[in-house]
Amino acid sequence: EECYELVEAIDEDDTDNMIEELGDVFFHLAFQIQIAAKAKRFTHEDVFANLLGKLVRRHPHVFGDTQMDDPSEAVSKWDAIKRKELEGSDRSILDGVPKAMPALSYAQAVQGRAARMGFDWDDFQGVVDKIAEEVRELGEAESPEAKEREMGDLLFSMANAARWMGAESENALRGTNTRFYKRFTTMERLSRERGLRFEDLPLDQKESLWEEAKALEESV
């Protein structure tokens, strides 16, 4: 919850709120470390030693003598180091992606890792065709279970399209959510200012208010 509140503060570029929410996040981190230390499981020294070791090991272009000409080389090197760390174990390259991540972010992350292992479409048209296929299958689904499964497949494919386009699907949807919230609350405000009950208005008036709210947003 605190992390989501921090993300909201960052999205809104609210410096005071960022300071507050970062403090809340740090408090929870320190609290978890203290609980572990009291149970004699690990200490803050263990946490930072693990972090520093991983940073140095996976970024030889920063902490070593390795020279890299562009960011893509750094990503390729990181993947190679990650694969080497997994050698001799049954862990998948996908296991490093936290399953507790928001679903769209998780989908895009595992797709990216699969792509770096050579499992990907040849071009963006393949992604577009897959989306069209999933839309068709969603329309053909009959049971609630099938509809939910096909909706999941469609969202997964849309996240893949975002990856191909260099966009973050989670950020894209959050931006749309924010715009919807602002426009809808503007519609409600305009209704109140005109002595109208928004819920009682016919759809055509609501759509007119929507366009007005959109125009007000774009004029700022």
Protein backbone atom coordinates (compact mmCIF):
# COMPACT_ATOMS: atom_id res chain seq x y z
CA GLU A 1 0.00 0.00 0.00
CA GLU A 2 2.80 2.42 0.88
CA CYS A 3 4.57 1.66 -2.40
CA TYR A 4 1.40 2.43 -4.35
CA GLU A 5 1.03 5.71 -2.46
CA LEU A 6 4.63 6.55 -3.33
CA VAL A 7 4.00 5.81 -7.01
CA GLU A 8 0.96 8.10 -6.92
CA ALA A 9 3.04 10.90 -5.38
CA ILE A 10 5.71 10.43 -8.06
CA ASP A 11 3.11 10.43 -10.84
CA GLU A 12 1.64 13.67 -9.49
CA ASP A 13 5.14 15.19 -9.03
CA ASP A 14 4.14 16.02 -5.44
CA THR A 15 7.47 16.64 -3.69
CA ASP A 16 6.08 16.95 -0.16
CA ASN A 17 4.07 13.76 -0.56
CA MET A 18 7.07 11.95 -2.06
CA ILE A 19 9.09 12.82 1.04
CA GLU A 20 6.33 11.51 3.28
CA GLU A 21 5.71 8.31 1.31
CA LEU A 22 9.42 7.53 0.95
CA GLY A 23 9.65 7.82 4.72
CA ASP A 24 6.77 5.38 5.11
CA VAL A 25 8.43 2.90 2.73
CA PHE A 26 11.76 3.18 4.55
CA PHE A 27 9.98 2.65 7.86
CA HIS A 28 8.50 -0.62 6.64
CA LEU A 29 11.86 -1.78 5.28
CA ALA A 30 13.57 -1.01 8.57
CA PHE A 31 10.73 -2.65 10.48
CA GLN A 32 11.01 -5.89 8.49
CA ILE A 33 14.79 -5.96 9.00
CA GLN A 34 14.34 -5.38 12.74
CA ILE A 35 11.84 -8.25 12.98
CA ALA A 36 14.30 -10.55 11.20
CA ALA A 37 17.21 -9.40 13.36
CA LYS A 38 15.22 -10.00 16.54
CA ALA A 39 14.47 -13.53 15.33
CA LYS A 40 18.21 -13.93 14.56
CA ARG A 41 17.51 -14.61 10.88
CA PHE A 42 19.53 -11.77 9.34
CA THR A 43 20.59 -8.17 9.97
CA HIS A 44 20.78 -4.98 7.93
CA GLU A 45 24.44 -5.82 7.23
CA ASP A 46 23.33 -9.01 5.47
CA VAL A 47 20.79 -7.11 3.39
CA PHE A 48 23.26 -4.47 2.23
CA ALA A 49 26.06 -6.99 1.66
CA ASN A 50 23.77 -9.02 -0.60
CA LEU A 51 22.66 -5.91 -2.47
CA LEU A 52 26.18 -4.57 -2.99
CA GLY A 53 27.48 -7.96 -4.09
CA LYS A 54 24.74 -8.26 -6.69
CA LEU A 55 25.26 -4.72 -7.96
CA VAL A 56 28.99 -5.26 -8.44
CA ARG A 57 28.59 -8.73 -9.95
CA ARG A 58 25.91 -7.76 -12.46
CA HIS A 59 27.34 -4.39 -13.52
CA PRO A 60 30.95 -5.04 -14.59
CA HIS A 61 30.78 -2.02 -16.90
CA VAL A 62 30.32 0.19 -13.82
CA PHE A 63 32.42 -1.54 -11.18
CA GLY A 64 34.94 -3.38 -13.37
CA ASP A 65 37.08 -2.93 -16.45
CA THR A 66 34.46 -4.05 -18.99
CA GLN A 67 33.77 -1.45 -21.66
CA MET A 68 30.32 -1.15 -23.26
CA ASP A 69 29.33 1.21 -26.07
CA ASP A 70 25.56 1.32 -25.61
CA PRO A 71 22.84 0.38 -23.08
CA SER A 72 21.78 -2.71 -25.06
CA GLU A 73 25.20 -4.24 -24.37
CA ALA A 74 24.67 -3.72 -20.65
CA VAL A 75 21.30 -5.49 -20.83
CA SER A 76 22.81 -8.41 -22.79
CA LYS A 77 25.65 -8.69 -20.29
CA TRP A 78 23.20 -8.62 -17.38
CA ASP A 79 21.21 -11.45 -18.99
CA ALA A 80 24.37 -13.49 -19.53
CA ILE A 81 25.41 -13.03 -15.90
CA LYS A 82 21.91 -13.93 -14.73
CA ARG A 83 21.93 -17.13 -16.81
CA LYS A 84 25.35 -18.07 -15.46
CA GLU A 85 24.06 -17.63 -11.90
CA LEU A 86 21.23 -20.05 -12.73
CA GLU A 87 23.53 -22.73 -14.16
CA GLY A 88 23.30 -26.00 -12.27
CA SER A 89 19.94 -25.12 -10.74
CA ASP A 90 16.37 -25.92 -11.71
CA ARG A 91 15.36 -22.26 -11.57
CA SER A 92 13.96 -20.61 -14.67
CA ILE A 93 15.04 -17.25 -16.03
CA LEU A 94 11.45 -16.23 -15.27
CA ASP A 95 11.73 -17.06 -11.57
CA GLY A 96 13.43 -13.75 -10.85
CA VAL A 97 10.25 -11.85 -11.71
CA PRO A 98 8.15 -11.43 -8.53
CA LYS A 99 4.73 -13.04 -8.97
CA ALA A 100 3.29 -10.39 -6.64
CA MET A 101 3.90 -7.67 -9.25
CA PRO A 102 0.83 -6.05 -10.82
CA ALA A 103 -0.39 -8.43 -13.52
CA LEU A 104 0.37 -6.19 -16.51
CA SER A 105 3.89 -5.46 -15.27
CA TYR A 106 4.48 -9.16 -14.59
CA ALA A 107 3.24 -10.10 -18.07
CA GLN A 108 5.53 -7.60 -19.73
CA ALA A 109 8.51 -8.60 -17.60
CA VAL A 110 8.25 -12.35 -18.30
CA GLN A 111 7.65 -11.67 -22.00
CA GLY A 112 10.80 -9.55 -22.08
CA ARG A 113 12.87 -12.28 -20.47
CA ALA A 114 11.43 -14.93 -22.78
CA ALA A 115 12.25 -12.69 -25.76
CA ARG A 116 15.85 -12.33 -24.63
CA MET A 117 16.04 -16.13 -24.68
CA GLY A 118 14.89 -16.11 -28.31
CA PHE A 119 11.18 -16.84 -27.73
CA ASP A 120 9.44 -13.96 -29.48
CA TRP A 121 7.57 -12.91 -32.59
CA ASP A 122 9.59 -12.15 -35.72
CA ASP A 123 7.99 -8.73 -36.09
CA PHE A 124 5.31 -6.45 -34.65
CA GLN A 125 2.75 -7.67 -37.19
CA GLY A 126 2.83 -11.04 -35.46
CA VAL A 127 1.87 -9.31 -32.21
CA VAL A 128 -0.97 -7.44 -33.93
CA ASP A 129 -2.28 -10.63 -35.52
CA LYS A 130 -2.21 -12.36 -32.15
CA ILE A 131 -4.27 -9.55 -30.60
CA ALA A 132 -6.84 -9.89 -33.40
CA GLU A 133 -6.97 -13.64 -32.76
CA GLU A 134 -7.52 -13.11 -29.04
CA VAL A 135 -10.28 -10.55 -29.68
CA ARG A 136 -12.04 -13.06 -31.92
CA GLU A 137 -11.70 -15.85 -29.35
CA LEU A 138 -13.02 -13.55 -26.62
CA GLY A 139 -16.09 -12.84 -28.74
CA GLU A 140 -16.64 -16.57 -29.22
CA ALA A 141 -16.26 -17.47 -25.53
CA GLU A 142 -19.49 -18.59 -23.88
CA SER A 143 -18.95 -19.63 -20.27
CA PRO A 144 -17.81 -17.14 -17.60
CA GLU A 145 -14.64 -19.19 -17.14
CA ALA A 146 -13.86 -19.12 -20.87
CA LYS A 147 -14.53 -15.38 -21.07
CA GLU A 148 -12.17 -14.70 -18.17
CA ARG A 149 -9.47 -16.91 -19.69
CA GLU A 150 -9.74 -15.27 -23.10
CA MET A 151 -9.75 -11.80 -21.53
CA GLY A 152 -6.53 -12.76 -19.77
CA ASP A 153 -5.01 -13.91 -23.06
CA LEU A 154 -6.00 -10.61 -24.69
CA LEU A 155 -4.51 -8.52 -21.88
CA PHE A 156 -1.32 -10.61 -22.03
CA SER A 157 -1.05 -9.94 -25.77
CA MET A 158 -1.71 -6.22 -25.24
CA ALA A 159 1.11 -6.09 -22.69
CA ASN A 160 3.34 -7.72 -25.29
CA ALA A 161 2.36 -5.03 -27.80
CA ALA A 162 3.39 -2.38 -25.28
CA ARG A 163 6.76 -4.10 -24.88
CA TRP A 164 7.32 -4.11 -28.63
CA MET A 165 6.44 -0.42 -28.80
CA GLY A 166 8.82 0.47 -25.97
CA ALA A 167 5.98 1.45 -23.64
CA GLU A 168 5.18 0.27 -20.12
CA SER A 169 1.69 -1.24 -20.12
CA GLU A 170 1.18 -0.57 -16.41
CA ASN A 171 2.15 3.09 -16.80
CA ALA A 172 -0.01 3.41 -19.91
CA LEU A 173 -3.11 2.08 -18.17
CA ARG A 174 -2.41 4.10 -15.02
CA GLY A 175 -2.20 7.23 -17.16
CA THR A 176 -5.55 6.42 -18.76
CA ASN A 177 -7.07 5.74 -15.32
CA THR A 178 -5.81 9.13 -14.14
CA ARG A 179 -7.27 10.93 -17.16
CA PHE A 180 -10.61 9.16 -16.69
CA TYR A 181 -10.68 10.11 -12.99
CA LYS A 182 -9.93 13.76 -13.73
CA ARG A 183 -12.50 14.02 -16.51
CA PHE A 184 -15.23 12.19 -14.60
CA THR A 185 -14.77 14.28 -11.47
CA THR A 186 -14.84 17.41 -13.67
CA MET A 187 -18.16 16.22 -15.11
CA GLU A 188 -19.55 15.83 -11.60
CA ARG A 189 -18.30 19.30 -10.62
CA LEU A 190 -19.79 20.95 -13.70
CA SER A 191 -23.12 19.27 -12.96
CA ARG A 192 -23.14 20.55 -9.38
CA GLU A 193 -22.23 24.08 -10.48
CA ARG A 194 -25.24 24.06 -12.82
CA GLY A 195 -27.63 22.74 -10.21
CA LEU A 196 -27.91 19.34 -11.90
CA ARG A 197 -27.77 15.81 -10.51
CA PHE A 198 -25.24 14.02 -12.69
CA GLU A 199 -26.81 10.59 -12.18
CA ASP A 200 -30.19 11.89 -13.43
CA LEU A 201 -28.86 13.28 -16.72
CA PRO A 202 -29.55 11.42 -19.98
CA LEU A 203 -26.58 9.81 -21.68
CA ASP A 204 -26.29 12.45 -24.41
CA GLN A 205 -25.86 15.20 -21.78
CA LYS A 206 -23.28 13.11 -19.95
CA GLU A 207 -21.37 12.64 -23.20
CA SER A 208 -21.53 16.40 -23.78
CA LEU A 209 -20.11 16.99 -20.30
CA TRP A 210 -17.38 14.46 -21.04
CA GLU A 211 -16.31 16.39 -24.14
CA GLU A 212 -16.40 19.64 -22.15
CA ALA A 213 -14.25 18.12 -19.40
CA LYS A 214 -11.83 16.82 -22.01
CA ALA A 215 -11.58 20.25 -23.63
CA LEU A 216 -10.93 21.88 -20.24
CA GLU A 217 -8.16 19.38 -19.57
CA GLU A 218 -6.51 19.99 -22.93
CA SER A 219 -6.67 23.78 -22.48
CA VAL A 220 -4.58 23.69 -19.29
